[in-house]
Every structure is written in structure tokens, then in C-alpha cells.
């Protein structure tokens, strides 16, 4: 199971996502699959990515 499933079921997930919506969109729709495993699959990574305001710039 990927950890983002667990994160989505937490009571405060909606608030965290809305507060960090740019990071959420960037993390959910990564253009580089090698980063996805570090930002979505690891325990605690999805929420931490949002709290860190992780934003990956899109290629031009």
C-alpha cells in the first residue's frame, strides 16, 4: 500500500491539502516518476512533502 492512501484517510488531510494546494498538485502529478516513489510511497512522505511546500517546476 502506498502511504498516500493512508494520508488521505487521516482526519486533517483535507486541511493540509487545502493549505498546501500547490504542493499537493505538484506531488500528485509529478512528471518525473523517480521522484514519485520518494514523495508518495514512503511512510509519512506525502504529508511531509506538503508541509515542506515541495514544488517541482514543470519542464518548459
Protein backbone atom coordinates (compact mmCIF):
# COMPACT_ATOMS: atom_id res chain seq x y z
CA UNK A 1 0.00 0.00 0.00
CA UNK A 2 1.29 3.44 -0.88
CA UNK A 3 1.38 5.84 2.02
CA UNK A 4 -0.66 8.50 0.27
CA UNK A 5 -3.73 6.25 0.74
CA UNK A 6 -3.15 6.34 4.49
CA UNK A 7 -2.61 10.11 4.41
CA UNK A 8 -5.89 10.70 2.52
CA UNK A 9 -7.80 8.86 5.26
CA UNK A 10 -6.40 10.96 8.11
CA UNK A 11 -8.83 13.45 9.70
CA UNK A 12 -6.68 16.50 8.94
CA UNK A 13 -5.73 15.54 5.35
CA UNK A 14 -8.30 17.89 3.82
CA UNK A 15 -6.97 20.87 5.77
CA UNK A 16 -3.32 20.06 4.96
CA UNK A 17 -4.13 19.64 1.27
CA UNK A 18 -6.10 22.89 1.07
CA UNK A 19 -3.39 24.82 2.90
CA UNK A 20 -0.69 23.47 0.59
CA UNK A 21 -2.65 23.07 -2.66
CA UNK A 22 0.27 23.99 -4.96
CA UNK A 23 2.44 21.34 -3.36
CA UNK A 24 -0.42 18.82 -3.50
CA UNK A 25 -0.92 19.29 -7.24
CA UNK A 26 2.82 19.13 -7.83
CA UNK A 27 3.26 15.96 -5.78
CA UNK A 28 0.22 14.18 -7.23
CA UNK A 29 1.09 14.96 -10.84
CA UNK A 30 4.88 14.60 -10.90
CA UNK A 31 6.40 14.50 -14.36
CA UNK A 32 9.43 12.58 -13.08
CA UNK A 33 8.46 9.09 -11.85
CA UNK A 34 11.75 8.65 -9.98
CA UNK A 35 10.72 11.42 -7.59
CA UNK A 36 7.23 9.95 -7.15
CA UNK A 37 8.50 6.97 -5.15
CA UNK A 38 10.19 9.30 -2.64
CA UNK A 39 7.28 11.76 -2.39
CA UNK A 40 4.34 9.33 -2.36
CA UNK A 41 5.32 5.79 -1.44
CA UNK A 42 7.43 6.18 1.70
CA UNK A 43 5.84 6.31 5.13
CA UNK A 44 4.99 9.90 6.02
CA UNK A 45 6.32 11.27 2.71
CA UNK A 46 3.08 12.61 1.21
CA UNK A 47 2.20 14.76 4.21
CA UNK A 48 5.80 15.85 4.75
CA UNK A 49 6.09 16.89 1.11
CA UNK A 50 3.09 19.19 1.54
CA UNK A 51 4.28 20.57 4.87
CA UNK A 52 7.68 21.29 3.29
CA UNK A 53 5.88 23.13 0.44
CA UNK A 54 7.64 20.87 -2.06
CA UNK A 55 7.08 22.18 -5.58
CA UNK A 56 8.78 20.66 -8.59
CA UNK A 57 8.92 23.01 -11.56
CA UNK A 58 7.40 21.65 -14.76
CA UNK A 59 9.64 21.33 -17.81
CA UNK A 60 9.08 24.00 -20.44
